[in-house]
C-alpha cells in the first residue's frame, strides 16, 4: 500500500501545482518548442528574435532556450558567453539536424526541451524535471494536439 500511497501523493502534488502553471508557463514552454519546429522550413530566419514575445515570460525565452540547448550539449561551439549571432547560427545548425532523427528521438527531444524550459520558467522552483515533462506532455496531448487539424 505504501507504493500506491506514494504514487497517489505524487499525482496530488503534481495536479496541485498544475493549475496555475497550465494557465501561464506550460503554454509558453510548448510555444518555444513549436517555434523551434517552425524553423525546420526556414532555417535562415532569426530564431532568437522569434522567441522574444511580448510578455515577460515570453521575453525570458530568448535567454532560457539557448541556455537549455547549451546545457543539453545540443549546440556545438557555443557557450553562455557566445554572441547572439553565434548562438543563432548554432541553433539553426541544430534545428537542421532534427529531420534526420527518428520520430521517437524527436519526441523525446521536444519533451525534454519543453520540460527544461518549463522548469526554468517556473520561478518558484517547486517543479522537478519529471513533473515539468509530465505537465508539458499532458498539456500538449489534451490541448495542443487536440486543437490541431488532422
N, C-alpha and C. Protein backbone atom coordinates (compact mmCIF):
# COMPACT_ATOMS: atom_id res chain seq x y z
N UNK A 1 0.81 -1.20 0.00
CA UNK A 1 0.00 0.00 0.00
C UNK A 1 0.85 1.26 0.00
N UNK A 2 2.06 1.19 0.56
CA UNK A 2 2.92 2.35 0.62
C UNK A 2 3.26 2.87 -0.77
N UNK A 3 3.49 1.96 -1.70
CA UNK A 3 3.81 2.37 -3.07
C UNK A 3 2.62 3.08 -3.70
N UNK A 4 1.43 2.55 -3.50
CA UNK A 4 0.23 3.17 -4.05
C UNK A 4 0.02 4.54 -3.44
N UNK A 5 0.22 4.66 -2.13
CA UNK A 5 0.08 5.96 -1.48
C UNK A 5 1.09 6.96 -2.02
N UNK A 6 2.33 6.51 -2.26
CA UNK A 6 3.36 7.39 -2.83
C UNK A 6 2.96 7.86 -4.22
N UNK A 7 2.44 6.97 -5.03
CA UNK A 7 2.01 7.35 -6.39
C UNK A 7 0.85 8.33 -6.31
N UNK A 8 -0.12 8.05 -5.46
CA UNK A 8 -1.27 8.96 -5.31
C UNK A 8 -0.83 10.32 -4.80
N UNK A 9 0.10 10.35 -3.86
CA UNK A 9 0.63 11.63 -3.36
C UNK A 9 1.35 12.39 -4.45
N UNK A 10 2.11 11.67 -5.29
CA UNK A 10 2.83 12.32 -6.38
C UNK A 10 1.84 12.99 -7.34
N UNK A 11 0.78 12.26 -7.72
CA UNK A 11 -0.24 12.83 -8.61
C UNK A 11 -0.94 14.02 -7.95
N UNK A 12 -1.26 13.90 -6.66
CA UNK A 12 -1.91 15.00 -5.96
C UNK A 12 -1.02 16.24 -5.97
N UNK A 13 0.26 16.06 -5.66
CA UNK A 13 1.20 17.18 -5.67
C UNK A 13 1.35 17.78 -7.05
N UNK A 14 1.43 16.93 -8.06
CA UNK A 14 1.58 17.41 -9.43
C UNK A 14 0.38 18.24 -9.84
N UNK A 15 -0.82 17.74 -9.60
CA UNK A 15 -2.01 18.46 -10.03
C UNK A 15 -2.29 19.69 -9.18
N UNK A 16 -1.82 19.72 -7.94
CA UNK A 16 -2.00 20.93 -7.15
C UNK A 16 -1.10 22.05 -7.68
N UNK A 17 0.04 21.69 -8.27
CA UNK A 17 0.93 22.67 -8.89
C UNK A 17 0.46 23.03 -10.30
N UNK A 18 -0.25 22.13 -10.93
CA UNK A 18 -0.57 22.25 -12.35
C UNK A 18 -1.50 23.40 -12.68
N UNK A 19 -2.45 23.71 -11.81
CA UNK A 19 -3.48 24.68 -12.14
C UNK A 19 -2.91 26.01 -12.62
N UNK A 20 -2.08 26.64 -11.81
CA UNK A 20 -1.54 27.93 -12.20
C UNK A 20 -0.53 27.80 -13.34
N UNK A 21 0.24 26.71 -13.34
CA UNK A 21 1.23 26.52 -14.39
C UNK A 21 0.59 26.31 -15.76
N UNK A 22 -0.52 25.58 -15.78
CA UNK A 22 -1.19 25.32 -17.05
C UNK A 22 -1.73 26.60 -17.67
N UNK A 23 -2.02 27.57 -16.86
CA UNK A 23 -2.56 28.83 -17.38
C UNK A 23 -1.47 29.75 -17.92
N UNK A 24 -0.27 29.66 -17.36
CA UNK A 24 0.75 30.63 -17.75
C UNK A 24 2.00 30.00 -18.36
N UNK A 25 2.68 29.16 -17.63
CA UNK A 25 4.02 28.75 -18.02
C UNK A 25 4.06 27.59 -19.01
N UNK A 26 3.19 26.61 -18.88
CA UNK A 26 3.23 25.45 -19.77
C UNK A 26 3.01 25.85 -21.23
N UNK A 27 2.00 26.68 -21.54
CA UNK A 27 1.83 27.08 -22.94
C UNK A 27 3.05 27.81 -23.51
N UNK A 28 3.73 28.60 -22.70
CA UNK A 28 4.92 29.31 -23.16
C UNK A 28 6.04 28.32 -23.46
N UNK A 29 6.22 27.32 -22.62
CA UNK A 29 7.25 26.30 -22.85
C UNK A 29 6.97 25.52 -24.13
N UNK A 30 5.72 25.14 -24.33
CA UNK A 30 5.36 24.41 -25.55
C UNK A 30 5.53 25.31 -26.77
N UNK A 31 5.17 26.57 -26.65
CA UNK A 31 5.33 27.50 -27.76
C UNK A 31 6.80 27.63 -28.16
N UNK A 32 7.71 27.58 -27.19
CA UNK A 32 9.14 27.66 -27.51
C UNK A 32 9.55 26.51 -28.41
N UNK A 33 9.07 25.31 -28.12
CA UNK A 33 9.38 24.14 -28.95
C UNK A 33 8.70 24.28 -30.31
N UNK A 34 7.47 24.78 -30.33
CA UNK A 34 6.76 24.98 -31.60
C UNK A 34 7.53 25.97 -32.49
N UNK A 35 8.09 27.00 -31.89
CA UNK A 35 8.89 27.97 -32.65
C UNK A 35 10.11 27.27 -33.24
N UNK A 36 10.81 26.45 -32.44
CA UNK A 36 11.96 25.71 -32.97
C UNK A 36 11.53 24.82 -34.14
N UNK A 37 10.39 24.14 -33.99
CA UNK A 37 9.89 23.27 -35.06
C UNK A 37 9.58 24.07 -36.32
N UNK A 38 9.06 25.27 -36.17
CA UNK A 38 8.68 26.08 -37.34
C UNK A 38 9.89 26.47 -38.18
N UNK A 39 11.06 26.47 -37.58
CA UNK A 39 12.27 26.85 -38.31
C UNK A 39 12.86 25.71 -39.13
N UNK A 40 12.21 24.55 -39.07
CA UNK A 40 12.65 23.45 -39.93
C UNK A 40 12.45 23.83 -41.40
N UNK A 41 11.46 24.68 -41.68
CA UNK A 41 11.17 25.08 -43.05
C UNK A 41 11.84 26.39 -43.46
N UNK A 42 12.35 27.15 -42.52
CA UNK A 42 13.01 28.41 -42.86
C UNK A 42 14.24 28.62 -41.99
N UNK A 43 15.28 27.84 -42.23
CA UNK A 43 16.45 27.85 -41.35
C UNK A 43 17.25 29.15 -41.35
N UNK A 44 17.04 30.03 -42.29
CA UNK A 44 17.83 31.26 -42.34
C UNK A 44 17.27 32.34 -41.42
N UNK A 45 16.10 32.14 -40.87
CA UNK A 45 15.47 33.16 -40.04
C UNK A 45 16.17 33.31 -38.69
N UNK A 46 15.88 34.41 -38.01
CA UNK A 46 16.46 34.70 -36.70
C UNK A 46 15.62 34.05 -35.61
N UNK A 47 16.08 32.91 -35.12
CA UNK A 47 15.33 32.14 -34.14
C UNK A 47 15.22 32.89 -32.82
N UNK A 48 16.30 33.53 -32.38
CA UNK A 48 16.25 34.25 -31.11
C UNK A 48 15.24 35.39 -31.15
N UNK A 49 15.13 36.07 -32.30
CA UNK A 49 14.14 37.14 -32.41
C UNK A 49 12.72 36.57 -32.34
N UNK A 50 12.51 35.41 -32.93
CA UNK A 50 11.18 34.79 -32.91
C UNK A 50 10.79 34.34 -31.51
N UNK A 51 11.77 33.99 -30.69
CA UNK A 51 11.48 33.55 -29.34
C UNK A 51 11.08 34.70 -28.42
N UNK A 52 11.41 35.93 -28.80
CA UNK A 52 11.14 37.08 -27.95
C UNK A 52 9.73 37.56 -28.19
N UNK A 53 8.85 37.31 -27.24
CA UNK A 53 7.45 37.72 -27.34
C UNK A 53 7.19 39.02 -26.60
N UNK A 54 5.93 39.22 -26.25
CA UNK A 54 5.53 40.48 -25.64
C UNK A 54 5.45 40.41 -24.11
N UNK A 55 5.18 39.23 -23.56
CA UNK A 55 5.09 39.13 -22.11
C UNK A 55 6.47 38.87 -21.51
N UNK A 56 6.57 39.10 -20.21
CA UNK A 56 7.85 38.86 -19.53
C UNK A 56 8.28 37.40 -19.65
N UNK A 57 7.30 36.48 -19.54
CA UNK A 57 7.63 35.05 -19.69
C UNK A 57 8.18 34.77 -21.08
N UNK A 58 7.51 35.30 -22.11
CA UNK A 58 7.96 35.07 -23.48
C UNK A 58 9.32 35.70 -23.72
N UNK A 59 9.55 36.88 -23.16
CA UNK A 59 10.85 37.54 -23.35
C UNK A 59 11.98 36.76 -22.69
N UNK A 60 11.68 36.04 -21.62
CA UNK A 60 12.73 35.26 -20.96
C UNK A 60 13.17 34.06 -21.80
N UNK A 61 12.36 33.67 -22.78
CA UNK A 61 12.72 32.54 -23.64
C UNK A 61 14.01 32.78 -24.41
N UNK A 62 14.27 34.04 -24.76
CA UNK A 62 15.48 34.36 -25.53
C UNK A 62 16.74 33.96 -24.77
N UNK A 63 16.66 33.97 -23.46
CA UNK A 63 17.78 33.54 -22.63
C UNK A 63 17.67 32.06 -22.26
N UNK A 64 16.46 31.63 -21.92
CA UNK A 64 16.26 30.27 -21.40
C UNK A 64 16.49 29.20 -22.47
N UNK A 65 15.94 29.37 -23.67
CA UNK A 65 16.05 28.33 -24.70
C UNK A 65 17.51 28.06 -25.07
N UNK A 66 18.31 29.08 -25.38
CA UNK A 66 19.73 28.78 -25.66
C UNK A 66 20.43 28.14 -24.46
N UNK A 67 20.10 28.59 -23.24
CA UNK A 67 20.70 28.03 -22.04
C UNK A 67 20.37 26.54 -21.93
N UNK A 68 19.12 26.17 -22.20
CA UNK A 68 18.71 24.76 -22.14
C UNK A 68 19.42 23.95 -23.22
N UNK A 69 19.48 24.48 -24.44
CA UNK A 69 20.13 23.76 -25.54
C UNK A 69 21.62 23.59 -25.29
N UNK A 70 22.25 24.60 -24.69
CA UNK A 70 23.67 24.51 -24.35
C UNK A 70 23.86 23.48 -23.23
N UNK A 71 22.98 23.52 -22.23
CA UNK A 71 23.05 22.57 -21.11
C UNK A 71 22.92 21.13 -21.60
N UNK A 72 22.07 20.91 -22.59
CA UNK A 72 21.89 19.56 -23.16
C UNK A 72 23.00 19.20 -24.15
N UNK A 73 23.93 20.12 -24.36
CA UNK A 73 25.04 19.95 -25.29
C UNK A 73 24.56 19.68 -26.71
N UNK A 74 23.52 20.41 -27.11
CA UNK A 74 22.97 20.27 -28.45
C UNK A 74 23.51 21.33 -29.41
N UNK A 75 24.17 22.34 -28.88
CA UNK A 75 24.73 23.40 -29.71
C UNK A 75 26.24 23.31 -29.69
N UNK A 76 26.81 23.06 -30.85
CA UNK A 76 28.26 22.90 -30.93
C UNK A 76 28.96 24.25 -31.05
N UNK A 77 30.06 24.40 -30.32
CA UNK A 77 30.92 25.56 -30.44
C UNK A 77 30.41 26.82 -29.78
N UNK A 78 29.38 26.74 -28.95
CA UNK A 78 28.90 27.93 -28.25
C UNK A 78 28.78 27.64 -26.76
N UNK A 79 28.79 28.71 -26.00
CA UNK A 79 28.54 28.61 -24.56
C UNK A 79 27.73 29.83 -24.14
N UNK A 80 27.51 29.97 -22.86
CA UNK A 80 26.63 31.05 -22.38
C UNK A 80 27.21 32.45 -22.63
N UNK A 81 28.49 32.55 -22.93
CA UNK A 81 29.07 33.86 -23.21
C UNK A 81 29.18 34.15 -24.72
N UNK A 82 28.68 33.25 -25.55
CA UNK A 82 28.70 33.46 -27.01
C UNK A 82 27.74 34.59 -27.39
N UNK A 83 27.99 35.18 -28.54
CA UNK A 83 27.12 36.25 -29.02
C UNK A 83 25.80 35.68 -29.52
N UNK A 84 24.80 36.57 -29.64
CA UNK A 84 23.51 36.14 -30.17
C UNK A 84 23.66 35.55 -31.57
N UNK A 85 24.53 36.14 -32.39
CA UNK A 85 24.72 35.65 -33.76
C UNK A 85 25.31 34.23 -33.75
N UNK A 86 26.27 33.98 -32.87
CA UNK A 86 26.87 32.64 -32.76
C UNK A 86 25.84 31.63 -32.27
N UNK A 87 25.07 32.03 -31.26
CA UNK A 87 24.04 31.13 -30.72
C UNK A 87 22.98 30.85 -31.77
N UNK A 88 22.54 31.89 -32.47
CA UNK A 88 21.52 31.73 -33.50
C UNK A 88 22.00 30.77 -34.59
N UNK A 89 23.25 30.92 -35.02
CA UNK A 89 23.81 30.03 -36.04
C UNK A 89 23.87 28.59 -35.54
N UNK A 90 24.24 28.40 -34.28
CA UNK A 90 24.31 27.05 -33.71
C UNK A 90 22.91 26.45 -33.59
N UNK A 91 21.92 27.26 -33.22
CA UNK A 91 20.55 26.76 -33.13
C UNK A 91 20.06 26.37 -34.52
N UNK A 92 20.38 27.17 -35.54
CA UNK A 92 19.99 26.84 -36.91
C UNK A 92 20.59 25.50 -37.34
N UNK A 93 21.85 25.27 -37.02
CA UNK A 93 22.50 24.00 -37.35
C UNK A 93 21.82 22.85 -36.62
N UNK A 94 21.51 23.06 -35.35
CA UNK A 94 20.84 22.04 -34.56
C UNK A 94 19.46 21.73 -35.15
N UNK A 95 18.67 22.76 -35.42
CA UNK A 95 17.32 22.57 -35.95
C UNK A 95 17.38 21.83 -37.29
N UNK A 96 18.37 22.14 -38.11
CA UNK A 96 18.52 21.48 -39.41
C UNK A 96 18.82 19.99 -39.25
N UNK A 97 19.36 19.59 -38.09
CA UNK A 97 19.69 18.17 -37.86
C UNK A 97 18.49 17.36 -37.38
N UNK A 98 17.44 18.01 -36.95
CA UNK A 98 16.29 17.31 -36.36
C UNK A 98 15.60 16.36 -37.34
N UNK A 99 15.37 16.74 -38.60
CA UNK A 99 14.68 15.81 -39.51
C UNK A 99 15.41 14.48 -39.71
N UNK A 100 16.70 14.45 -39.47
CA UNK A 100 17.47 13.21 -39.60
C UNK A 100 17.29 12.26 -38.43
N UNK A 101 16.60 12.70 -37.39
CA UNK A 101 16.36 11.86 -36.21
C UNK A 101 15.10 11.03 -36.40
N UNK A 102 15.03 9.91 -35.71
CA UNK A 102 13.81 9.10 -35.74
C UNK A 102 12.68 9.88 -35.05
N UNK A 103 11.45 9.52 -35.34
CA UNK A 103 10.29 10.19 -34.74
C UNK A 103 10.33 10.07 -33.22
N UNK A 104 10.76 8.90 -32.73
CA UNK A 104 10.84 8.69 -31.29
C UNK A 104 11.88 9.62 -30.65
N UNK A 105 13.04 9.76 -31.28
CA UNK A 105 14.07 10.66 -30.76
C UNK A 105 13.59 12.11 -30.80
N UNK A 106 12.87 12.47 -31.87
CA UNK A 106 12.34 13.83 -31.94
C UNK A 106 11.37 14.10 -30.80
N UNK A 107 10.48 13.14 -30.52
CA UNK A 107 9.51 13.32 -29.44
C UNK A 107 10.22 13.46 -28.09
N UNK A 108 11.22 12.63 -27.85
CA UNK A 108 11.98 12.71 -26.60
C UNK A 108 12.68 14.06 -26.52
N UNK A 109 13.28 14.49 -27.61
CA UNK A 109 13.98 15.76 -27.65
C UNK A 109 13.04 16.92 -27.33
N UNK A 110 11.90 16.97 -28.02
CA UNK A 110 10.95 18.06 -27.81
C UNK A 110 10.41 18.06 -26.38
N UNK A 111 10.10 16.88 -25.85
CA UNK A 111 9.58 16.80 -24.47
C UNK A 111 10.64 17.25 -23.47
N UNK A 112 11.87 16.85 -23.70
CA UNK A 112 12.96 17.24 -22.80
C UNK A 112 13.18 18.74 -22.83
N UNK A 113 13.24 19.31 -24.04
CA UNK A 113 13.45 20.75 -24.16
C UNK A 113 12.30 21.51 -23.49
N UNK A 114 11.06 21.12 -23.80
CA UNK A 114 9.90 21.81 -23.21
C UNK A 114 9.89 21.66 -21.69
N UNK A 115 10.24 20.47 -21.19
CA UNK A 115 10.28 20.25 -19.75
C UNK A 115 11.32 21.12 -19.07
N UNK A 116 12.51 21.22 -19.66
CA UNK A 116 13.55 22.06 -19.08
C UNK A 116 13.21 23.54 -19.17
N UNK A 117 12.60 23.95 -20.28
CA UNK A 117 12.17 25.34 -20.41
C UNK A 117 11.13 25.66 -19.33
N UNK A 118 10.16 24.76 -19.15
CA UNK A 118 9.14 24.97 -18.12
C UNK A 118 9.77 25.04 -16.74
N UNK A 119 10.72 24.15 -16.47
CA UNK A 119 11.39 24.16 -15.17
C UNK A 119 12.10 25.50 -14.95
N UNK A 120 12.72 26.04 -15.97
CA UNK A 120 13.38 27.35 -15.86
C UNK A 120 12.37 28.49 -15.73
N UNK A 121 11.25 28.40 -16.43
CA UNK A 121 10.21 29.43 -16.35
C UNK A 121 9.57 29.47 -14.97
N UNK A 122 9.52 28.33 -14.31
CA UNK A 122 8.87 28.21 -13.01
C UNK A 122 9.75 28.85 -11.94
N UNK A 123 9.57 30.14 -11.76
CA UNK A 123 10.43 30.92 -10.87
C UNK A 123 10.39 30.42 -9.42
N UNK A 124 9.30 29.82 -9.01
CA UNK A 124 9.20 29.37 -7.62
C UNK A 124 10.10 28.16 -7.37
N UNK A 125 10.48 27.47 -8.43
CA UNK A 125 11.37 26.32 -8.29
C UNK A 125 10.72 25.11 -7.65
N UNK A 126 9.39 25.06 -7.62
CA UNK A 126 8.73 23.95 -6.96
C UNK A 126 8.50 22.74 -7.86
N UNK A 127 8.87 22.84 -9.14
CA UNK A 127 8.71 21.72 -10.06
C UNK A 127 10.00 20.94 -10.22
N UNK A 128 9.88 19.63 -10.21
CA UNK A 128 11.03 18.80 -10.58
C UNK A 128 11.03 18.67 -12.11
N UNK A 129 12.12 18.18 -12.65
CA UNK A 129 12.18 17.97 -14.10
C UNK A 129 11.10 16.99 -14.55
N UNK A 130 10.93 15.90 -13.82
CA UNK A 130 9.92 14.89 -14.17
C UNK A 130 8.52 15.48 -14.17
N UNK A 131 8.21 16.30 -13.17
CA UNK A 131 6.90 16.94 -13.12
C UNK A 131 6.71 17.89 -14.29
N UNK A 132 7.76 18.62 -14.63
CA UNK A 132 7.68 19.56 -15.74
C UNK A 132 7.40 18.83 -17.05
N UNK A 133 8.10 17.73 -17.30
CA UNK A 133 7.88 16.96 -18.53
C UNK A 133 6.47 16.38 -18.53
N UNK A 134 6.01 15.87 -17.38
CA UNK A 134 4.66 15.31 -17.30
C UNK A 134 3.61 16.37 -17.59
N UNK A 135 3.76 17.56 -17.04
CA UNK A 135 2.80 18.64 -17.28
C UNK A 135 2.81 19.07 -18.75
N UNK A 136 4.00 19.19 -19.32
CA UNK A 136 4.11 19.56 -20.73
C UNK A 136 3.41 18.53 -21.60
N UNK A 137 3.69 17.26 -21.35
CA UNK A 137 3.10 16.19 -22.16
C UNK A 137 1.58 16.16 -22.01
N UNK A 138 1.11 16.30 -20.77
CA UNK A 138 -0.33 16.29 -20.52
C UNK A 138 -1.00 17.47 -21.25
N UNK A 139 -0.43 18.66 -21.14
CA UNK A 139 -1.00 19.84 -21.78
C UNK A 139 -0.96 19.68 -23.31
N UNK A 140 0.16 19.20 -23.83
CA UNK A 140 0.28 19.03 -25.27
C UNK A 140 -0.76 18.05 -25.81
N UNK A 141 -0.89 16.90 -25.14
CA UNK A 141 -1.81 15.86 -25.60
C UNK A 141 -3.27 16.30 -25.50
N UNK A 142 -3.62 17.03 -24.45
CA UNK A 142 -5.03 17.38 -24.23
C UNK A 142 -5.43 18.73 -24.80
N UNK A 143 -4.48 19.58 -25.12
CA UNK A 143 -4.83 20.92 -25.61
C UNK A 143 -4.28 21.20 -27.00
N UNK A 144 -2.99 21.11 -27.17
CA UNK A 144 -2.35 21.48 -28.44
C UNK A 144 -2.66 20.46 -29.52
N UNK A 145 -2.42 19.20 -29.24
CA UNK A 145 -2.63 18.15 -30.25
C UNK A 145 -4.10 18.04 -30.63
N UNK A 146 -4.99 18.18 -29.66
CA UNK A 146 -6.43 18.11 -29.92
C UNK A 146 -6.87 19.26 -30.81
N UNK A 147 -6.25 20.44 -30.64
CA UNK A 147 -6.64 21.63 -31.39
C UNK A 147 -6.11 21.62 -32.83
N UNK A 148 -5.09 20.80 -33.10
CA UNK A 148 -4.51 20.75 -34.45
C UNK A 148 -5.45 20.03 -35.39
N UNK A 149 -5.66 20.58 -36.59
CA UNK A 149 -6.46 19.85 -37.57
C UNK A 149 -5.70 18.63 -38.07
N UNK A 150 -6.41 17.54 -38.22
CA UNK A 150 -5.77 16.29 -38.64
C UNK A 150 -5.58 16.24 -40.14
